[in-house]
C-alpha cells in the first residue's frame, strides 16, 4: 500500500481546486428554517460547500452494505462490486448543483469505466418518472438506486456524514469510505480522489 505521504502529496496537487469548488458551489437545495440537516427523504436539504474529507486506509472502519433497486427495476448490491473502486453520488432532480455536475459525472464515468471504476447514483426523493426524465435530459450513463425508503442513505450513516445534496462518496476496493465531497463536485478533485484510490494496493 502506498504511504500516507504519497497520498497527501497527490491530494495537495489538487486541494486548491477543492477550495475553488467550495466558493463556487451553488446555493440551491437549502433546507427550510429549522429543518434537520441530515440527509433524509423526510427533511429539508442543505446545499454543500464542496468541502472534501479524506479517510486514510488505516482510518477506514467498515464496508458499506448497500442494496437497492434502480429506476429501471434492476437490483444493485455494492457487495458485488468488491475489488473495484466505486463512486456513489446522492442526488435528486430539482437540486441545482445536482444538475450542474451531471455532465462532469457522466464524463468521469466514461473515462474511468475502462479501469473498472463503478459509478452509482442514489436518489431518496424522486419518483420513477421524475428521475428518468433527469437521466434522459443529462444522458446519465450509470444507474441510480430508487431509495424511497432511505435504506441506501441509512447504509452510510455512522460511517460518513451525509448532510447535503449532492454528496459524492468514493469507496475503495474493500467497499470502505475513502473520501467524500459535500456539494457540487469539482471534476479535477474527484478525478484525483479516484486516481489515489485506484493506486492503493488491494
N, C-alpha and C. Protein backbone atom coordinates (compact mmCIF):
# COMPACT_ATOMS: atom_id res chain seq x y z
N UNK A 1 0.86 -1.19 0.00
CA UNK A 1 0.00 0.00 0.00
C UNK A 1 0.89 1.24 0.00
N UNK A 2 0.52 2.25 -0.74
CA UNK A 2 1.36 3.43 -0.80
C UNK A 2 1.30 4.19 0.50
N UNK A 3 2.29 4.96 0.78
CA UNK A 3 2.41 5.65 2.05
C UNK A 3 1.44 6.81 2.14
N UNK A 4 1.20 7.25 3.42
CA UNK A 4 0.35 8.42 3.63
C UNK A 4 0.96 9.65 2.99
N UNK A 5 2.32 9.75 3.02
CA UNK A 5 2.98 10.91 2.44
C UNK A 5 2.72 11.00 0.95
N UNK A 6 2.73 9.86 0.27
CA UNK A 6 2.47 9.88 -1.16
C UNK A 6 1.04 10.30 -1.45
N UNK A 7 0.11 9.76 -0.65
CA UNK A 7 -1.30 10.13 -0.85
C UNK A 7 -1.50 11.61 -0.58
N UNK A 8 -0.88 12.10 0.51
CA UNK A 8 -1.05 13.50 0.84
C UNK A 8 -0.45 14.40 -0.22
N UNK A 9 0.68 13.96 -0.80
CA UNK A 9 1.28 14.76 -1.86
C UNK A 9 0.38 14.86 -3.06
N UNK A 10 -0.30 13.75 -3.39
CA UNK A 10 -1.23 13.78 -4.51
C UNK A 10 -2.41 14.66 -4.21
N UNK A 11 -2.90 14.59 -2.96
CA UNK A 11 -4.03 15.44 -2.56
C UNK A 11 -3.65 16.91 -2.68
N UNK A 12 -2.44 17.24 -2.24
CA UNK A 12 -2.03 18.64 -2.25
C UNK A 12 -2.03 19.24 -3.65
N UNK A 13 -1.83 18.42 -4.68
CA UNK A 13 -1.76 18.95 -6.04
C UNK A 13 -3.10 19.51 -6.50
N UNK A 14 -4.19 18.97 -5.96
CA UNK A 14 -5.48 19.47 -6.42
C UNK A 14 -6.37 19.99 -5.30
N UNK A 15 -5.80 20.14 -4.08
CA UNK A 15 -6.60 20.64 -2.97
C UNK A 15 -7.03 22.08 -3.19
N UNK A 16 -6.23 22.86 -3.91
CA UNK A 16 -6.61 24.23 -4.24
C UNK A 16 -7.91 24.23 -5.03
N UNK A 17 -8.07 23.25 -5.91
CA UNK A 17 -9.32 23.15 -6.69
C UNK A 17 -10.51 22.90 -5.79
N UNK A 18 -10.29 22.17 -4.71
CA UNK A 18 -11.39 21.94 -3.76
C UNK A 18 -11.83 23.25 -3.13
N UNK A 19 -10.86 24.13 -2.85
CA UNK A 19 -11.22 25.43 -2.31
C UNK A 19 -12.02 26.24 -3.29
N UNK A 20 -11.65 26.18 -4.56
CA UNK A 20 -12.41 26.87 -5.59
C UNK A 20 -13.82 26.32 -5.67
N UNK A 21 -13.94 24.99 -5.58
CA UNK A 21 -15.26 24.38 -5.62
C UNK A 21 -16.11 24.85 -4.44
N UNK A 22 -15.48 25.02 -3.28
CA UNK A 22 -16.22 25.48 -2.11
C UNK A 22 -16.82 26.85 -2.35
N UNK A 23 -16.04 27.73 -2.96
CA UNK A 23 -16.50 29.08 -3.21
C UNK A 23 -17.60 29.11 -4.25
N UNK A 24 -17.47 28.22 -5.26
CA UNK A 24 -18.38 28.27 -6.40
C UNK A 24 -19.62 27.41 -6.25
N UNK A 25 -19.70 26.62 -5.17
CA UNK A 25 -20.85 25.72 -5.00
C UNK A 25 -22.15 26.52 -5.05
N UNK A 26 -23.13 25.98 -5.74
CA UNK A 26 -24.40 26.69 -5.89
C UNK A 26 -25.16 26.69 -4.58
N UNK A 27 -26.06 27.67 -4.46
CA UNK A 27 -26.75 27.86 -3.19
C UNK A 27 -28.14 27.25 -3.18
N UNK A 28 -28.46 26.39 -4.14
CA UNK A 28 -29.78 25.75 -4.18
C UNK A 28 -29.89 24.67 -3.13
N UNK A 29 -31.05 24.05 -3.05
CA UNK A 29 -31.30 22.90 -2.17
C UNK A 29 -31.21 23.28 -0.71
N UNK A 30 -31.42 24.53 -0.36
CA UNK A 30 -31.31 24.93 1.05
C UNK A 30 -32.48 24.36 1.84
N UNK A 31 -32.22 24.05 3.09
CA UNK A 31 -33.27 23.50 3.93
C UNK A 31 -34.20 24.59 4.41
N UNK A 32 -35.41 24.18 4.76
CA UNK A 32 -36.35 25.11 5.35
C UNK A 32 -35.88 25.47 6.75
N UNK A 33 -36.25 26.65 7.25
CA UNK A 33 -35.82 27.04 8.60
C UNK A 33 -36.20 25.98 9.62
N UNK A 34 -35.21 25.60 10.44
CA UNK A 34 -35.48 24.63 11.49
C UNK A 34 -35.41 23.20 11.03
N UNK A 35 -35.20 22.96 9.73
CA UNK A 35 -35.18 21.59 9.26
C UNK A 35 -33.91 20.90 9.71
N UNK A 36 -34.01 19.59 9.99
CA UNK A 36 -32.85 18.77 10.31
C UNK A 36 -31.93 18.74 9.11
N UNK A 37 -30.62 18.90 9.34
CA UNK A 37 -29.68 18.96 8.23
C UNK A 37 -29.27 17.59 7.72
N UNK A 38 -29.59 16.49 8.46
CA UNK A 38 -29.22 15.17 7.98
C UNK A 38 -29.98 14.84 6.71
N UNK A 39 -29.30 14.10 5.82
CA UNK A 39 -29.89 13.73 4.54
C UNK A 39 -31.03 12.75 4.79
N UNK A 40 -32.23 13.07 4.40
CA UNK A 40 -33.38 12.21 4.64
C UNK A 40 -34.49 12.61 3.69
N UNK A 41 -35.32 11.64 3.31
CA UNK A 41 -36.42 11.96 2.41
C UNK A 41 -37.50 12.75 3.12
N UNK A 42 -37.43 12.82 4.46
CA UNK A 42 -38.49 13.48 5.20
C UNK A 42 -38.11 14.87 5.68
N UNK A 43 -36.89 15.32 5.38
CA UNK A 43 -36.47 16.62 5.89
C UNK A 43 -36.10 17.54 4.75
N UNK A 44 -35.79 18.79 5.08
CA UNK A 44 -35.27 19.71 4.10
C UNK A 44 -33.85 19.33 3.71
N UNK A 45 -33.31 20.04 2.74
CA UNK A 45 -31.98 19.76 2.24
C UNK A 45 -31.13 21.01 2.34
N UNK A 46 -29.87 20.82 2.66
CA UNK A 46 -28.92 21.92 2.66
C UNK A 46 -27.95 21.71 1.51
N UNK A 47 -27.49 22.80 0.95
CA UNK A 47 -26.51 22.69 -0.11
C UNK A 47 -25.12 22.54 0.48
N UNK A 48 -24.30 21.73 -0.16
CA UNK A 48 -22.93 21.56 0.29
C UNK A 48 -22.05 22.68 -0.22
N UNK A 49 -20.86 22.78 0.38
CA UNK A 49 -19.94 23.84 0.00
C UNK A 49 -18.75 23.30 -0.79
N UNK A 50 -18.84 22.05 -1.24
CA UNK A 50 -17.74 21.46 -1.98
C UNK A 50 -16.62 20.96 -1.09
N UNK A 51 -16.84 20.94 0.23
CA UNK A 51 -15.79 20.54 1.15
C UNK A 51 -15.44 19.07 0.98
N UNK A 52 -14.18 18.78 1.22
CA UNK A 52 -13.61 17.46 0.99
C UNK A 52 -13.17 16.85 2.30
N UNK A 53 -13.48 15.57 2.50
CA UNK A 53 -12.99 14.84 3.66
C UNK A 53 -12.37 13.54 3.17
N UNK A 54 -11.19 13.22 3.71
CA UNK A 54 -10.45 12.02 3.33
C UNK A 54 -10.33 11.08 4.52
N UNK A 55 -10.35 9.77 4.25
CA UNK A 55 -10.06 8.76 5.24
C UNK A 55 -8.86 7.95 4.72
N UNK A 56 -7.75 8.01 5.44
CA UNK A 56 -6.61 7.19 5.08
C UNK A 56 -6.96 5.72 5.30
N UNK A 57 -6.28 4.81 4.62
CA UNK A 57 -6.64 3.39 4.75
C UNK A 57 -6.77 2.90 6.18
N UNK A 58 -5.87 3.33 7.06
CA UNK A 58 -5.92 2.86 8.45
C UNK A 58 -7.06 3.49 9.24
N UNK A 59 -7.70 4.52 8.69
CA UNK A 59 -8.82 5.17 9.38
C UNK A 59 -10.17 4.61 8.98
N UNK A 60 -10.22 3.80 7.97
CA UNK A 60 -11.50 3.30 7.45
C UNK A 60 -12.04 2.20 8.36
N UNK A 61 -13.33 2.27 8.62
CA UNK A 61 -13.91 1.48 9.70
C UNK A 61 -14.59 0.20 9.23
N UNK A 62 -15.41 0.28 8.21
CA UNK A 62 -16.20 -0.87 7.80
C UNK A 62 -16.68 -0.66 6.38
N UNK A 63 -17.06 -1.75 5.74
CA UNK A 63 -17.55 -1.66 4.36
C UNK A 63 -19.00 -1.21 4.34
N UNK A 64 -19.38 -0.60 3.24
CA UNK A 64 -20.76 -0.16 3.02
C UNK A 64 -21.58 -1.34 2.51
N UNK A 65 -22.72 -1.55 3.13
CA UNK A 65 -23.63 -2.63 2.73
C UNK A 65 -24.86 -1.99 2.10
N UNK A 66 -24.82 -1.75 0.81
CA UNK A 66 -25.87 -1.03 0.10
C UNK A 66 -26.53 -1.96 -0.93
N UNK A 67 -27.80 -2.20 -0.75
CA UNK A 67 -28.59 -3.00 -1.69
C UNK A 67 -29.81 -2.17 -2.07
N UNK A 68 -30.14 -2.13 -3.34
CA UNK A 68 -31.31 -1.37 -3.78
C UNK A 68 -31.76 -1.77 -5.16
N UNK A 69 -32.79 -1.08 -5.63
CA UNK A 69 -33.35 -1.33 -6.96
C UNK A 69 -33.25 -0.04 -7.76
N UNK A 70 -32.78 -0.12 -8.99
CA UNK A 70 -32.63 1.06 -9.83
C UNK A 70 -33.98 1.49 -10.39
N UNK A 71 -33.98 2.65 -11.02
CA UNK A 71 -35.21 3.15 -11.64
C UNK A 71 -35.63 2.31 -12.84
N UNK A 72 -34.75 1.45 -13.32
CA UNK A 72 -35.11 0.51 -14.39
C UNK A 72 -35.56 -0.83 -13.84
N UNK A 73 -35.57 -0.97 -12.51
CA UNK A 73 -36.06 -2.19 -11.89
C UNK A 73 -35.00 -3.26 -11.66
N UNK A 74 -33.74 -2.94 -11.87
CA UNK A 74 -32.66 -3.91 -11.66
C UNK A 74 -32.15 -3.82 -10.22
N UNK A 75 -31.83 -4.96 -9.63
CA UNK A 75 -31.28 -4.98 -8.28
C UNK A 75 -29.79 -4.67 -8.31
N UNK A 76 -29.36 -3.85 -7.36
CA UNK A 76 -27.95 -3.47 -7.24
C UNK A 76 -27.48 -3.83 -5.83
N UNK A 77 -26.32 -4.46 -5.75
CA UNK A 77 -25.71 -4.80 -4.47
C UNK A 77 -24.24 -4.38 -4.55
N UNK A 78 -23.86 -3.41 -3.72
CA UNK A 78 -22.47 -2.93 -3.76
C UNK A 78 -21.49 -4.03 -3.39
N UNK A 79 -21.94 -5.04 -2.66
CA UNK A 79 -21.06 -6.17 -2.36
C UNK A 79 -20.56 -6.85 -3.63
N UNK A 80 -21.36 -6.80 -4.68
CA UNK A 80 -20.96 -7.40 -5.96
C UNK A 80 -19.86 -6.59 -6.64
N UNK A 81 -19.59 -5.38 -6.16
CA UNK A 81 -18.58 -4.52 -6.76
C UNK A 81 -17.26 -4.57 -6.00
N UNK A 82 -17.16 -5.45 -4.99
CA UNK A 82 -15.90 -5.56 -4.25
C UNK A 82 -14.76 -5.85 -5.21
N UNK A 83 -13.62 -5.23 -4.95
CA UNK A 83 -12.48 -5.34 -5.85
C UNK A 83 -12.38 -4.20 -6.83
N UNK A 84 -13.44 -3.37 -6.90
CA UNK A 84 -13.44 -2.20 -7.76
C UNK A 84 -13.62 -0.94 -6.92
N UNK A 85 -13.09 0.16 -7.39
CA UNK A 85 -13.38 1.46 -6.79
C UNK A 85 -14.79 1.87 -7.21
N UNK A 86 -15.58 2.36 -6.27
CA UNK A 86 -16.98 2.71 -6.53
C UNK A 86 -17.21 4.17 -6.14
N UNK A 87 -17.85 4.92 -7.03
CA UNK A 87 -18.23 6.30 -6.76
C UNK A 87 -19.75 6.35 -6.60
N UNK A 88 -20.21 6.83 -5.44
CA UNK A 88 -21.64 6.90 -5.14
C UNK A 88 -22.03 8.37 -5.04
N UNK A 89 -23.02 8.77 -5.84
CA UNK A 89 -23.46 10.16 -5.89
C UNK A 89 -24.92 10.25 -5.44
N UNK A 90 -25.16 11.03 -4.37
CA UNK A 90 -26.51 11.26 -3.87
C UNK A 90 -27.07 12.51 -4.53
N UNK A 91 -28.27 12.40 -5.10
CA UNK A 91 -28.81 13.49 -5.91
C UNK A 91 -30.33 13.44 -5.92
N UNK A 92 -30.94 14.52 -6.42
CA UNK A 92 -32.34 14.49 -6.85
C UNK A 92 -32.53 15.53 -7.93
N UNK A 93 -33.59 15.40 -8.69
CA UNK A 93 -33.71 16.10 -9.98
C UNK A 93 -33.82 17.61 -9.86
N UNK A 94 -34.49 18.12 -8.83
CA UNK A 94 -34.71 19.56 -8.72
C UNK A 94 -33.57 20.29 -8.02
N UNK A 95 -32.52 19.59 -7.65
CA UNK A 95 -31.39 20.19 -6.96
C UNK A 95 -30.45 20.84 -7.96
N UNK A 96 -30.30 22.18 -7.93
CA UNK A 96 -29.46 22.86 -8.95
C UNK A 96 -28.02 22.35 -9.04
N UNK A 97 -27.32 22.12 -7.91
CA UNK A 97 -25.95 21.60 -8.05
C UNK A 97 -25.90 20.20 -8.64
N UNK A 98 -26.94 19.41 -8.39
CA UNK A 98 -27.01 18.07 -8.97
C UNK A 98 -27.08 18.16 -10.49
N UNK A 99 -27.85 19.11 -10.97
CA UNK A 99 -27.96 19.30 -12.41
C UNK A 99 -26.65 19.85 -12.98
N UNK A 100 -26.01 20.75 -12.23
CA UNK A 100 -24.79 21.38 -12.72
C UNK A 100 -23.64 20.40 -12.85
N UNK A 101 -23.60 19.37 -11.99
CA UNK A 101 -22.49 18.44 -12.01
C UNK A 101 -22.74 17.20 -12.87
N UNK A 102 -23.94 17.08 -13.43
CA UNK A 102 -24.32 15.85 -14.14
C UNK A 102 -23.40 15.55 -15.32
N UNK A 103 -23.07 16.55 -16.12
CA UNK A 103 -22.20 16.32 -17.28
C UNK A 103 -20.81 15.89 -16.85
N UNK A 104 -20.29 16.49 -15.77
CA UNK A 104 -18.97 16.11 -15.29
C UNK A 104 -18.95 14.67 -14.79
N UNK A 105 -20.00 14.27 -14.08
CA UNK A 105 -20.07 12.90 -13.60
C UNK A 105 -20.17 11.90 -14.76
N UNK A 106 -20.93 12.27 -15.77
CA UNK A 106 -21.04 11.39 -16.94
C UNK A 106 -19.69 11.22 -17.63
N UNK A 107 -18.94 12.32 -17.75
CA UNK A 107 -17.62 12.26 -18.39
C UNK A 107 -16.65 11.42 -17.56
N UNK A 108 -16.71 11.56 -16.24
CA UNK A 108 -15.85 10.77 -15.37
C UNK A 108 -16.18 9.29 -15.49
N UNK A 109 -17.46 8.98 -15.53
CA UNK A 109 -17.85 7.59 -15.73
C UNK A 109 -17.29 7.04 -17.03
N UNK A 110 -17.42 7.79 -18.09
CA UNK A 110 -16.93 7.34 -19.40
C UNK A 110 -15.41 7.11 -19.37
N UNK A 111 -14.69 7.99 -18.70
CA UNK A 111 -13.23 7.89 -18.69
C UNK A 111 -12.72 6.78 -17.78
N UNK A 112 -13.42 6.52 -16.68
CA UNK A 112 -12.90 5.58 -15.69
C UNK A 112 -13.53 4.18 -15.76
N UNK A 113 -14.64 4.04 -16.45
CA UNK A 113 -15.24 2.70 -16.57
C UNK A 113 -14.27 1.67 -17.14
N UNK A 114 -13.44 2.02 -18.15
CA UNK A 114 -12.48 1.03 -18.65
C UNK A 114 -11.46 0.58 -17.61
N UNK A 115 -11.28 1.37 -16.54
CA UNK A 115 -10.37 0.99 -15.47
C UNK A 115 -11.08 0.20 -14.36
N UNK A 116 -12.34 -0.11 -14.59
CA UNK A 116 -13.09 -0.89 -13.62
C UNK A 116 -13.79 -0.09 -12.56
N UNK A 117 -13.77 1.24 -12.66
CA UNK A 117 -14.45 2.07 -11.67
C UNK A 117 -15.95 2.02 -11.90
N UNK A 118 -16.68 1.71 -10.85
CA UNK A 118 -18.14 1.67 -10.91
C UNK A 118 -18.70 3.00 -10.41
N UNK A 119 -19.81 3.44 -11.01
CA UNK A 119 -20.49 4.65 -10.54
C UNK A 119 -21.95 4.33 -10.31
N UNK A 120 -22.48 4.83 -9.20
CA UNK A 120 -23.85 4.54 -8.81
C UNK A 120 -24.48 5.78 -8.22
N UNK A 121 -25.67 6.15 -8.70
CA UNK A 121 -26.43 7.23 -8.10
C UNK A 121 -27.35 6.70 -7.02
N UNK A 122 -27.69 7.55 -6.07
CA UNK A 122 -28.70 7.23 -5.05
C UNK A 122 -29.64 8.42 -4.96
N UNK A 123 -30.93 8.17 -5.16
CA UNK A 123 -31.93 9.23 -5.15
C UNK A 123 -33.01 8.89 -4.13
N UNK A 124 -33.02 9.57 -2.98
CA UNK A 124 -34.00 9.27 -1.94
C UNK A 124 -35.29 10.07 -2.05
N UNK A 125 -35.49 10.77 -3.16
CA UNK A 125 -36.60 11.72 -3.19
C UNK A 125 -37.54 11.56 -4.38
N UNK A 126 -37.02 11.32 -5.58
CA UNK A 126 -37.83 11.42 -6.79
C UNK A 126 -38.57 10.13 -7.13
N UNK A 127 -39.74 10.30 -7.76
CA UNK A 127 -40.44 9.14 -8.30
C UNK A 127 -39.76 8.71 -9.60
N UNK A 128 -40.23 7.59 -10.13
CA UNK A 128 -39.58 6.99 -11.30
C UNK A 128 -39.58 7.96 -12.49
N UNK A 129 -40.74 8.58 -12.78
CA UNK A 129 -40.85 9.44 -13.95
C UNK A 129 -39.91 10.65 -13.85
N UNK A 130 -39.85 11.25 -12.67
CA UNK A 130 -39.01 12.42 -12.49
C UNK A 130 -37.53 12.08 -12.64
N UNK A 131 -37.12 10.99 -12.01
CA UNK A 131 -35.72 10.58 -12.08
C UNK A 131 -35.32 10.19 -13.49
N UNK A 132 -36.18 9.45 -14.17
CA UNK A 132 -35.85 9.02 -15.52
C UNK A 132 -35.82 10.20 -16.49
N UNK A 133 -36.65 11.20 -16.27
CA UNK A 133 -36.59 12.39 -17.11
C UNK A 133 -35.24 13.10 -16.93
N UNK A 134 -34.77 13.18 -15.70
CA UNK A 134 -33.44 13.75 -15.42
C UNK A 134 -32.37 12.94 -16.14
N UNK A 135 -32.43 11.64 -16.03
CA UNK A 135 -31.43 10.77 -16.65
C UNK A 135 -31.41 10.92 -18.16
N UNK A 136 -32.60 11.09 -18.76
CA UNK A 136 -32.65 11.29 -20.22
C UNK A 136 -32.08 12.66 -20.60
N UNK A 137 -32.48 13.68 -19.85
CA UNK A 137 -32.04 15.05 -20.17
C UNK A 137 -30.52 15.17 -20.13
N UNK A 138 -29.92 14.57 -19.11
CA UNK A 138 -28.47 14.71 -18.92
C UNK A 138 -27.69 13.50 -19.42
N UNK A 139 -28.40 12.58 -20.06
CA UNK A 139 -27.77 11.39 -20.65
C UNK A 139 -26.88 10.69 -19.62
N UNK A 140 -27.45 10.43 -18.46
CA UNK A 140 -26.72 9.78 -17.37
C UNK A 140 -26.44 8.33 -17.76
N UNK A 141 -25.16 7.92 -17.81
CA UNK A 141 -24.84 6.60 -18.34
C UNK A 141 -24.76 5.49 -17.29
N UNK A 142 -24.96 5.83 -16.03
CA UNK A 142 -24.85 4.84 -14.95
C UNK A 142 -26.17 4.78 -14.19
N UNK A 143 -26.44 3.70 -13.46
CA UNK A 143 -27.74 3.54 -12.79
C UNK A 143 -27.83 4.32 -11.49
N UNK A 144 -29.07 4.55 -11.06
CA UNK A 144 -29.32 5.15 -9.75
C UNK A 144 -30.32 4.29 -8.99
N UNK A 145 -30.07 4.16 -7.71
CA UNK A 145 -30.98 3.44 -6.82
C UNK A 145 -32.17 4.33 -6.48
N UNK A 146 -33.36 3.77 -6.61
CA UNK A 146 -34.59 4.45 -6.20
C UNK A 146 -34.75 4.23 -4.69
N UNK A 147 -34.23 5.16 -3.90
CA UNK A 147 -34.09 4.95 -2.46
C UNK A 147 -35.24 5.56 -1.69
N UNK A 148 -36.47 5.20 -2.07
CA UNK A 148 -37.65 5.83 -1.48
C UNK A 148 -37.76 5.57 0.02
N UNK A 149 -37.23 4.48 0.49
CA UNK A 149 -37.27 4.18 1.92
C UNK A 149 -36.03 4.61 2.67
N UNK A 150 -35.11 5.28 1.96
CA UNK A 150 -33.86 5.79 2.53
C UNK A 150 -32.96 4.69 3.10
N UNK A 151 -33.11 3.46 2.61
CA UNK A 151 -32.25 2.37 3.09
C UNK A 151 -30.81 2.58 2.67
N UNK A 152 -30.60 3.08 1.44
CA UNK A 152 -29.23 3.33 0.98
C UNK A 152 -28.59 4.45 1.77
N UNK A 153 -29.35 5.50 2.05
CA UNK A 153 -28.83 6.58 2.88
C UNK A 153 -28.44 6.03 4.25
N UNK A 154 -29.29 5.18 4.82
CA UNK A 154 -29.02 4.62 6.15
C UNK A 154 -27.75 3.77 6.15
N UNK A 155 -27.41 3.16 5.02
CA UNK A 155 -26.22 2.31 4.96
C UNK A 155 -24.94 3.10 5.19
N UNK A 156 -24.98 4.41 4.96
CA UNK A 156 -23.81 5.25 5.13
C UNK A 156 -23.75 5.92 6.50
N UNK A 157 -24.85 5.95 7.20
CA UNK A 157 -24.89 6.64 8.49
C UNK A 157 -23.94 5.99 9.48
N UNK A 158 -23.20 6.81 10.21
CA UNK A 158 -22.23 6.32 11.15
C UNK A 158 -20.85 6.10 10.55
N UNK A 159 -20.78 6.05 9.22
CA UNK A 159 -19.51 5.85 8.53
C UNK A 159 -19.05 7.10 7.80
N UNK A 160 -20.01 7.87 7.27
CA UNK A 160 -19.67 9.11 6.56
C UNK A 160 -20.83 10.08 6.71
N UNK A 161 -20.57 11.34 7.03
CA UNK A 161 -21.65 12.31 7.15
C UNK A 161 -22.32 12.58 5.80
N UNK A 162 -23.63 12.49 5.77
CA UNK A 162 -24.40 12.82 4.57
C UNK A 162 -25.35 13.95 4.96
N UNK A 163 -24.92 15.17 4.72
CA UNK A 163 -25.66 16.31 5.23
C UNK A 163 -26.02 17.32 4.15
N UNK A 164 -25.86 16.94 2.89
CA UNK A 164 -26.16 17.90 1.81
C UNK A 164 -26.46 17.15 0.53
N UNK A 165 -27.12 17.83 -0.37
CA UNK A 165 -27.35 17.35 -1.73
C UNK A 165 -26.68 18.31 -2.68
N UNK A 166 -25.87 17.83 -3.59
CA UNK A 166 -25.43 16.44 -3.71
C UNK A 166 -24.28 16.14 -2.75
N UNK A 167 -24.06 14.85 -2.52
CA UNK A 167 -22.87 14.37 -1.84
C UNK A 167 -22.31 13.23 -2.68
N UNK A 168 -20.99 13.19 -2.83
CA UNK A 168 -20.34 12.14 -3.61
C UNK A 168 -19.33 11.44 -2.72
N UNK A 169 -19.39 10.10 -2.71
CA UNK A 169 -18.54 9.29 -1.85
C UNK A 169 -17.74 8.32 -2.73
N UNK A 170 -16.44 8.21 -2.43
CA UNK A 170 -15.58 7.26 -3.12
C UNK A 170 -15.32 6.09 -2.17
N UNK A 171 -15.62 4.87 -2.63
CA UNK A 171 -15.36 3.65 -1.87
C UNK A 171 -14.14 2.95 -2.43
N UNK A 172 -13.31 2.42 -1.54
CA UNK A 172 -12.15 1.68 -2.01
C UNK A 172 -12.54 0.26 -2.42
N UNK A 173 -11.56 -0.55 -2.77
CA UNK A 173 -11.84 -1.89 -3.29
C UNK A 173 -12.48 -2.82 -2.25
N UNK A 174 -12.34 -2.48 -0.99
CA UNK A 174 -12.98 -3.26 0.07
C UNK A 174 -14.38 -2.74 0.40
N UNK A 175 -14.80 -1.68 -0.29
CA UNK A 175 -16.10 -1.10 -0.01
C UNK A 175 -16.09 -0.14 1.16
N UNK A 176 -14.90 0.29 1.60
CA UNK A 176 -14.78 1.25 2.70
C UNK A 176 -14.73 2.66 2.15
N UNK A 177 -15.20 3.61 2.95
CA UNK A 177 -15.24 5.00 2.51
C UNK A 177 -13.83 5.58 2.50
N UNK A 178 -13.39 6.04 1.33
CA UNK A 178 -12.07 6.65 1.18
C UNK A 178 -12.16 8.17 1.16
N UNK A 179 -13.26 8.72 0.65
CA UNK A 179 -13.37 10.17 0.53
C UNK A 179 -14.82 10.57 0.34
N UNK A 180 -15.09 11.84 0.67
CA UNK A 180 -16.43 12.40 0.49
C UNK A 180 -16.32 13.85 0.07
N UNK A 181 -17.11 14.22 -0.94
CA UNK A 181 -17.26 15.61 -1.35
C UNK A 181 -18.69 16.03 -1.04
N UNK A 182 -18.87 17.06 -0.23
CA UNK A 182 -20.19 17.51 0.16
C UNK A 182 -20.54 18.74 -0.67
N UNK A 183 -21.45 18.56 -1.62
CA UNK A 183 -21.81 19.63 -2.53
C UNK A 183 -21.38 19.30 -3.94
N UNK A 184 -21.54 20.25 -4.83
CA UNK A 184 -21.18 20.04 -6.24
C UNK A 184 -19.71 19.68 -6.37
N UNK A 185 -19.43 18.65 -7.15
CA UNK A 185 -18.05 18.23 -7.31
C UNK A 185 -17.27 19.21 -8.17
N UNK A 186 -15.99 19.31 -7.91
CA UNK A 186 -15.05 19.83 -8.89
C UNK A 186 -14.48 18.59 -9.59
N UNK A 187 -14.63 18.48 -10.91
CA UNK A 187 -14.22 17.24 -11.58
C UNK A 187 -12.74 16.92 -11.41
N UNK A 188 -11.90 17.94 -11.33
CA UNK A 188 -10.47 17.69 -11.13
C UNK A 188 -10.22 17.05 -9.77
N UNK A 189 -10.92 17.52 -8.76
CA UNK A 189 -10.79 16.96 -7.42
C UNK A 189 -11.27 15.51 -7.41
N UNK A 190 -12.44 15.24 -7.97
CA UNK A 190 -12.97 13.89 -7.95
C UNK A 190 -12.07 12.93 -8.73
N UNK A 191 -11.54 13.38 -9.85
CA UNK A 191 -10.61 12.53 -10.60
C UNK A 191 -9.37 12.22 -9.76
N UNK A 192 -8.89 13.21 -9.02
CA UNK A 192 -7.74 12.98 -8.16
C UNK A 192 -8.04 11.96 -7.07
N UNK A 193 -9.22 12.05 -6.48
CA UNK A 193 -9.63 11.09 -5.47
C UNK A 193 -9.71 9.68 -6.04
N UNK A 194 -10.28 9.56 -7.22
CA UNK A 194 -10.38 8.24 -7.85
C UNK A 194 -9.00 7.69 -8.18
N UNK A 195 -8.13 8.54 -8.72
CA UNK A 195 -6.78 8.11 -9.06
C UNK A 195 -6.05 7.60 -7.82
N UNK A 196 -6.16 8.34 -6.72
CA UNK A 196 -5.48 7.94 -5.50
C UNK A 196 -6.01 6.60 -4.99
N UNK A 197 -7.32 6.43 -5.06
CA UNK A 197 -7.91 5.19 -4.54
C UNK A 197 -7.57 4.02 -5.45
N UNK A 198 -7.53 4.25 -6.75
CA UNK A 198 -7.10 3.20 -7.68
C UNK A 198 -5.66 2.78 -7.42
N UNK A 199 -4.82 3.73 -7.01
CA UNK A 199 -3.40 3.46 -6.81
C UNK A 199 -3.12 2.68 -5.54
N UNK A 200 -4.08 2.60 -4.64
CA UNK A 200 -3.88 1.81 -3.44
C UNK A 200 -3.82 0.33 -3.77
N UNK A 201 -3.02 -0.39 -3.04
CA UNK A 201 -2.96 -1.83 -3.24
C UNK A 201 -4.22 -2.47 -2.69
N UNK A 202 -4.69 -3.49 -3.39
CA UNK A 202 -5.91 -4.18 -2.95
C UNK A 202 -5.67 -4.92 -1.63
